[in-house]
PDB file of N, CA and C in Angstrom:
ATOM      1  N   MET A   1     -16.654  -5.579  -5.298  1.00  0.00           N
ATOM      2  CA  MET A   1     -16.113  -4.504  -6.073  1.00  0.00           C
ATOM      3  C   MET A   1     -16.669  -4.541  -7.497  1.00  0.00           C
ATOM      4  N   LYS A   2     -16.807  -5.745  -8.028  1.00  0.00           N
ATOM      5  CA  LYS A   2     -17.322  -5.896  -9.385  1.00  0.00           C
ATOM      6  C   LYS A   2     -18.744  -5.367  -9.483  1.00  0.00           C
ATOM      7  N   GLN A   3     -19.557  -5.640  -8.461  1.00  0.00           N
ATOM      8  CA  GLN A   3     -20.943  -5.179  -8.456  1.00  0.00           C
ATOM      9  C   GLN A   3     -21.037  -3.660  -8.450  1.00  0.00           C
ATOM     10  N   LYS A   4     -20.033  -3.004  -7.897  1.00  0.00           N
ATOM     11  CA  LYS A   4     -20.013  -1.541  -7.819  1.00  0.00           C
ATOM     12  C   LYS A   4     -19.253  -0.906  -8.977  1.00  0.00           C
ATOM     13  N   GLY A   5     -18.761  -1.735  -9.922  1.00  0.00           N
ATOM     14  CA  GLY A   5     -18.043  -1.220 -11.078  1.00  0.00           C
ATOM     15  C   GLY A   5     -16.633  -0.736 -10.760  1.00  0.00           C
ATOM     16  N   ILE A   6     -16.038  -1.304  -9.717  1.00  0.00           N
ATOM     17  CA  ILE A   6     -14.691  -0.929  -9.309  1.00  0.00           C
ATOM     18  C   ILE A   6     -13.735  -2.024  -9.756  1.00  0.00           C
ATOM     19  N   ASP A   7     -12.607  -1.604 -10.333  1.00  0.00           N
ATOM     20  CA  ASP A   7     -11.604  -2.580 -10.753  1.00  0.00           C
ATOM     21  C   ASP A   7     -11.150  -3.419  -9.567  1.00  0.00           C
ATOM     22  N   ASN A   8     -10.704  -4.648  -9.861  1.00  0.00           N
ATOM     23  CA  ASN A   8     -10.230  -5.508  -8.779  1.00  0.00           C
ATOM     24  C   ASN A   8      -8.912  -4.980  -8.222  1.00  0.00           C
ATOM     25  N   ILE A   9      -8.511  -5.503  -7.108  1.00  0.00           N
ATOM     26  CA  ILE A   9      -7.341  -4.995  -6.386  1.00  0.00           C
ATOM     27  C   ILE A   9      -6.061  -5.111  -7.204  1.00  0.00           C
ATOM     28  N   ASP A  10      -5.929  -6.142  -8.016  1.00  0.00           N
ATOM     29  CA  ASP A  10      -4.728  -6.294  -8.845  1.00  0.00           C
ATOM     30  C   ASP A  10      -4.606  -5.165  -9.860  1.00  0.00           C
ATOM     31  N   ILE A  11      -5.706  -4.811 -10.489  1.00  0.00           N
ATOM     32  CA  ILE A  11      -5.694  -3.715 -11.467  1.00  0.00           C
ATOM     33  C   ILE A  11      -5.402  -2.388 -10.776  1.00  0.00           C
ATOM     34  N   LEU A  12      -6.043  -2.148  -9.639  1.00  0.00           N
ATOM     35  CA  LEU A  12      -5.804  -0.914  -8.903  1.00  0.00           C
ATOM     36  C   LEU A  12      -4.349  -0.812  -8.463  1.00  0.00           C
ATOM     37  N   TYR A  13      -3.808  -1.900  -7.968  1.00  0.00           N
ATOM     38  CA  TYR A  13      -2.419  -1.931  -7.503  1.00  0.00           C
ATOM     39  C   TYR A  13      -1.459  -1.655  -8.654  1.00  0.00           C
ATOM     40  N   ASN A  14      -1.697  -2.293  -9.803  1.00  0.00           N
ATOM     41  CA  ASN A  14      -0.845  -2.058 -10.976  1.00  0.00           C
ATOM     42  C   ASN A  14      -0.925  -0.604 -11.429  1.00  0.00           C
ATOM     43  N   ASN A  15      -2.114  -0.024 -11.390  1.00  0.00           N
ATOM     44  CA  ASN A  15      -2.280   1.383 -11.775  1.00  0.00           C
ATOM     45  C   ASN A  15      -1.482   2.302 -10.855  1.00  0.00           C
ATOM     46  N   VAL A  16      -1.518   2.011  -9.565  1.00  0.00           N
ATOM     47  CA  VAL A  16      -0.770   2.809  -8.590  1.00  0.00           C
ATOM     48  C   VAL A  16       0.730   2.726  -8.883  1.00  0.00           C
ATOM     49  N   LEU A  17       1.220   1.534  -9.163  1.00  0.00           N
ATOM     50  CA  LEU A  17       2.647   1.370  -9.464  1.00  0.00           C
ATOM     51  C   LEU A  17       3.019   2.108 -10.737  1.00  0.00           C
ATOM     52  N   GLU A  18       2.153   2.039 -11.754  1.00  0.00           N
ATOM     53  CA  GLU A  18       2.417   2.724 -13.015  1.00  0.00           C
ATOM     54  C   GLU A  18       2.446   4.243 -12.842  1.00  0.00           C
ATOM     55  N   MET A  19       1.695   4.760 -11.899  1.00  0.00           N
ATOM     56  CA  MET A  19       1.678   6.199 -11.639  1.00  0.00           C
ATOM     57  C   MET A  19       2.901   6.656 -10.846  1.00  0.00           C
ATOM     58  N   GLY A  20       3.696   5.706 -10.386  1.00  0.00           N
ATOM     59  CA  GLY A  20       4.912   6.052  -9.663  1.00  0.00           C
ATOM     60  C   GLY A  20       4.716   6.311  -8.184  1.00  0.00           C
ATOM     61  N   ALA A  21       3.622   5.842  -7.642  1.00  0.00           N
ATOM     62  CA  ALA A  21       3.369   6.047  -6.221  1.00  0.00           C
ATOM     63  C   ALA A  21       4.357   5.250  -5.386  1.00  0.00           C
ATOM     64  N   HIS A  22       4.649   5.778  -4.227  1.00  0.00           N
ATOM     65  CA  HIS A  22       5.467   5.045  -3.267  1.00  0.00           C
ATOM     66  C   HIS A  22       4.535   4.545  -2.180  1.00  0.00           C
ATOM     67  N   ILE A  23       4.661   3.294  -1.827  1.00  0.00           N
ATOM     68  CA  ILE A  23       3.728   2.659  -0.902  1.00  0.00           C
ATOM     69  C   ILE A  23       4.412   2.427   0.438  1.00  0.00           C
ATOM     70  N   HIS A  24       3.766   2.895   1.496  1.00  0.00           N
ATOM     71  CA  HIS A  24       4.247   2.663   2.859  1.00  0.00           C
ATOM     72  C   HIS A  24       3.301   1.666   3.514  1.00  0.00           C
ATOM     73  N   VAL A  25       3.850   0.616   4.063  1.00  0.00           N
ATOM     74  CA  VAL A  25       3.046  -0.429   4.684  1.00  0.00           C
ATOM     75  C   VAL A  25       3.446  -0.551   6.150  1.00  0.00           C
ATOM     76  N   CYS A  26       2.454  -0.517   7.018  1.00  0.00           N
ATOM     77  CA  CYS A  26       2.692  -0.737   8.438  1.00  0.00           C
ATOM     78  C   CYS A  26       3.066  -2.211   8.622  1.00  0.00           C
ATOM     79  N   GLU A  27       4.265  -2.440   9.091  1.00  0.00           N
ATOM     80  CA  GLU A  27       4.764  -3.808   9.259  1.00  0.00           C
ATOM     81  C   GLU A  27       3.897  -4.618  10.225  1.00  0.00           C
ATOM     82  N   THR A  28       3.426  -3.988  11.288  1.00  0.00           N
ATOM     83  CA  THR A  28       2.583  -4.688  12.257  1.00  0.00           C
ATOM     84  C   THR A  28       1.280  -5.142  11.611  1.00  0.00           C
ATOM     85  N   SER A  29       0.651  -4.253  10.846  1.00  0.00           N
ATOM     86  CA  SER A  29      -0.603  -4.614  10.170  1.00  0.00           C
ATOM     87  C   SER A  29      -0.371  -5.702   9.135  1.00  0.00           C
ATOM     88  N   ALA A  30       0.740  -5.611   8.399  1.00  0.00           N
ATOM     89  CA  ALA A  30       1.053  -6.626   7.396  1.00  0.00           C
ATOM     90  C   ALA A  30       1.190  -7.991   8.052  1.00  0.00           C
ATOM     91  N   GLN A  31       1.892  -8.043   9.178  1.00  0.00           N
ATOM     92  CA  GLN A  31       2.053  -9.311   9.891  1.00  0.00           C
ATOM     93  C   GLN A  31       0.711  -9.817  10.391  1.00  0.00           C
ATOM     94  N   LEU A  32      -0.114  -8.914  10.887  1.00  0.00           N
ATOM     95  CA  LEU A  32      -1.433  -9.287  11.390  1.00  0.00           C
ATOM     96  C   LEU A  32      -2.286  -9.945  10.310  1.00  0.00           C
ATOM     97  N   PHE A  33      -2.179  -9.424   9.071  1.00  0.00           N
ATOM     98  CA  PHE A  33      -2.973  -9.962   7.967  1.00  0.00           C
ATOM     99  C   PHE A  33      -2.228 -11.035   7.177  1.00  0.00           C
ATOM    100  N   GLY A  34      -1.029 -11.404   7.625  1.00  0.00           N
ATOM    101  CA  GLY A  34      -0.280 -12.462   6.953  1.00  0.00           C
ATOM    102  C   GLY A  34       0.288 -12.048   5.618  1.00  0.00           C
ATOM    103  N   ILE A  35       0.606 -10.770   5.455  1.00  0.00           N
ATOM    104  CA  ILE A  35       1.142 -10.266   4.197  1.00  0.00           C
ATOM    105  C   ILE A  35       2.657 -10.170   4.300  1.00  0.00           C
ATOM    106  N   ASP A  36       3.347 -10.750   3.335  1.00  0.00           N
ATOM    107  CA  ASP A  36       4.796 -10.618   3.247  1.00  0.00           C
ATOM    108  C   ASP A  36       5.082  -9.606   2.140  1.00  0.00           C
ATOM    109  N   CYS A  37       5.487  -8.411   2.518  1.00  0.00           N
ATOM    110  CA  CYS A  37       5.697  -7.327   1.563  1.00  0.00           C
ATOM    111  C   CYS A  37       6.735  -7.664   0.506  1.00  0.00           C
ATOM    112  N   LYS A  38       7.683  -8.526   0.844  1.00  0.00           N
ATOM    113  CA  LYS A  38       8.726  -8.916  -0.108  1.00  0.00           C
ATOM    114  C   LYS A  38       8.149  -9.701  -1.277  1.00  0.00           C
ATOM    115  N   GLU A  39       6.985 -10.309  -1.086  1.00  0.00           N
ATOM    116  CA  GLU A  39       6.367 -11.114  -2.134  1.00  0.00           C
ATOM    117  C   GLU A  39       5.441 -10.305  -3.035  1.00  0.00           C
ATOM    118  N   LEU A  40       5.169  -9.065  -2.668  1.00  0.00           N
ATOM    119  CA  LEU A  40       4.273  -8.235  -3.469  1.00  0.00           C
ATOM    120  C   LEU A  40       4.973  -7.721  -4.719  1.00  0.00           C
ATOM    121  N   LYS A  41       4.213  -7.640  -5.809  1.00  0.00           N
ATOM    122  CA  LYS A  41       4.743  -7.073  -7.041  1.00  0.00           C
ATOM    123  C   LYS A  41       5.154  -5.632  -6.767  1.00  0.00           C
ATOM    124  N   GLY A  42       6.301  -5.238  -7.277  1.00  0.00           N
ATOM    125  CA  GLY A  42       6.770  -3.878  -7.063  1.00  0.00           C
ATOM    126  C   GLY A  42       7.297  -3.651  -5.663  1.00  0.00           C
ATOM    127  N   SER A  43       7.762  -4.719  -5.023  1.00  0.00           N
ATOM    128  CA  SER A  43       8.195  -4.613  -3.627  1.00  0.00           C
ATOM    129  C   SER A  43       9.329  -3.606  -3.442  1.00  0.00           C
ATOM    130  N   GLU A  44      10.042  -3.288  -4.539  1.00  0.00           N
ATOM    131  CA  GLU A  44      11.109  -2.291  -4.417  1.00  0.00           C
ATOM    132  C   GLU A  44      10.549  -0.893  -4.159  1.00  0.00           C
ATOM    133  N   PHE A  45       9.248  -0.701  -4.398  1.00  0.00           N
ATOM    134  CA  PHE A  45       8.594   0.582  -4.154  1.00  0.00           C
ATOM    135  C   PHE A  45       7.840   0.607  -2.825  1.00  0.00           C
ATOM    136  N   ILE A  46       7.945  -0.469  -2.074  1.00  0.00           N
ATOM    137  CA  ILE A  46       7.215  -0.567  -0.814  1.00  0.00           C
ATOM    138  C   ILE A  46       8.166  -0.318   0.346  1.00  0.00           C
ATOM    139  N   ASP A  47       7.780   0.620   1.194  1.00  0.00           N
ATOM    140  CA  ASP A  47       8.546   0.938   2.387  1.00  0.00           C
ATOM    141  C   ASP A  47       7.828   0.315   3.574  1.00  0.00           C
ATOM    142  N   ARG A  48       8.451  -0.682   4.184  1.00  0.00           N
ATOM    143  CA  ARG A  48       7.877  -1.291   5.380  1.00  0.00           C
ATOM    144  C   ARG A  48       8.309  -0.453   6.575  1.00  0.00           C
ATOM    145  N   CYS A  49       7.356  -0.070   7.398  1.00  0.00           N
ATOM    146  CA  CYS A  49       7.677   0.798   8.528  1.00  0.00           C
ATOM    147  C   CYS A  49       6.729   0.522   9.683  1.00  0.00           C
ATOM    148  N   GLY A  50       7.043   1.098  10.820  1.00  0.00           N
ATOM    149  CA  GLY A  50       6.186   0.976  11.983  1.00  0.00           C
ATOM    150  C   GLY A  50       5.038   1.968  11.907  1.00  0.00           C
ATOM    151  N   VAL A  51       4.105   1.844  12.808  1.00  0.00           N
ATOM    152  CA  VAL A  51       2.906   2.675  12.764  1.00  0.00           C
ATOM    153  C   VAL A  51       3.239   4.155  12.933  1.00  0.00           C
ATOM    154  N   THR A  52       4.192   4.495  13.777  1.00  0.00           N
ATOM    155  CA  THR A  52       4.548   5.898  13.981  1.00  0.00           C
ATOM    156  C   THR A  52       5.118   6.507  12.709  1.00  0.00           C
ATOM    157  N   THR A  53       6.000   5.786  12.044  1.00  0.00           N
ATOM    158  CA  THR A  53       6.568   6.264  10.789  1.00  0.00           C
ATOM    159  C   THR A  53       5.492   6.354   9.719  1.00  0.00           C
ATOM    160  N   LEU A  54       4.598   5.379   9.676  1.00  0.00           N
ATOM    161  CA  LEU A  54       3.510   5.402   8.707  1.00  0.00           C
ATOM    162  C   LEU A  54       2.657   6.659   8.887  1.00  0.00           C
ATOM    163  N   LEU A  55       2.301   6.963  10.118  1.00  0.00           N
ATOM    164  CA  LEU A  55       1.497   8.150  10.379  1.00  0.00           C
ATOM    165  C   LEU A  55       2.259   9.428  10.058  1.00  0.00           C
ATOM    166  N   SER A  56       3.523   9.468  10.365  1.00  0.00           N
ATOM    167  CA  SER A  56       4.351  10.631  10.044  1.00  0.00           C
ATOM    168  C   SER A  56       4.428  10.843   8.531  1.00  0.00           C
ATOM    169  N   ASN A  57       4.635   9.768   7.787  1.00  0.00           N
ATOM    170  CA  ASN A  57       4.673   9.858   6.322  1.00  0.00           C
ATOM    171  C   ASN A  57       3.325  10.298   5.771  1.00  0.00           C
ATOM    172  N   SER A  58       2.250   9.848   6.377  1.00  0.00           N
ATOM    173  CA  SER A  58       0.911  10.215   5.929  1.00  0.00           C
ATOM    174  C   SER A  58       0.680  11.714   6.053  1.00  0.00           C
ATOM    175  N   LEU A  59       1.195  12.299   7.102  1.00  0.00           N
ATOM    176  CA  LEU A  59       1.038  13.736   7.306  1.00  0.00           C
ATOM    177  C   LEU A  59       1.790  14.546   6.250  1.00  0.00           C
ATOM    178  N   LYS A  60       2.855  13.983   5.717  1.00  0.00           N
ATOM    179  CA  LYS A  60       3.668  14.673   4.723  1.00  0.00           C
ATOM    180  C   LYS A  60       3.154  14.468   3.292  1.00  0.00           C
ATOM    181  N   GLY A  61       2.360  13.438   3.083  1.00  0.00           N
ATOM    182  CA  GLY A  61       1.914  13.090   1.738  1.00  0.00           C
ATOM    183  C   GLY A  61       0.744  13.915   1.261  1.00  0.00           C
ATOM    184  N   LYS A  62       0.561  13.938  -0.063  1.00  0.00           N
ATOM    185  CA  LYS A  62      -0.568  14.626  -0.662  1.00  0.00           C
ATOM    186  C   LYS A  62      -1.836  13.767  -0.571  1.00  0.00           C
ATOM    187  N   ILE A  63      -1.656  12.463  -0.686  1.00  0.00           N
ATOM    188  CA  ILE A  63      -2.792  11.541  -0.637  1.00  0.00           C
ATOM    189  C   ILE A  63      -2.428  10.387   0.275  1.00  0.00           C
ATOM    190  N   THR A  64      -3.357  10.006   1.136  1.00  0.00           N
ATOM    191  CA  THR A  64      -3.153   8.869   2.022  1.00  0.00           C
ATOM    192  C   THR A  64      -4.366   7.956   1.920  1.00  0.00           C
ATOM    193  N   LEU A  65      -4.111   6.687   1.746  1.00  0.00           N
ATOM    194  CA  LEU A  65      -5.174   5.698   1.745  1.00  0.00           C
ATOM    195  C   LEU A  65      -4.845   4.677   2.819  1.00  0.00           C
ATOM    196  N   PHE A  66      -5.685   4.581   3.805  1.00  0.00           N
ATOM    197  CA  PHE A  66      -5.468   3.646   4.890  1.00  0.00           C
ATOM    198  C   PHE A  66      -6.476   2.527   4.763  1.00  0.00           C
ATOM    199  N   ILE A  67      -5.977   1.325   4.642  1.00  0.00           N
ATOM    200  CA  ILE A  67      -6.871   0.160   4.508  1.00  0.00           C
ATOM    201  C   ILE A  67      -6.639  -0.752   5.675  1.00  0.00           C
TER     202      ILE A  67
END
């Protein structure tokens, strides 16, 4: 990311939180990657959900980023 002039993930994540975004995380994917959403900064803004709910929320949102 540095080579491409893109801020690191911590800066991007903080910017998203400062903008007031609400984050939906697929619980299955989080478990697969060993991520505990409760430990993430701003966890009160993170909605843990299943894949069906995640996709449904994505259809309703203005912007969706799937990683």
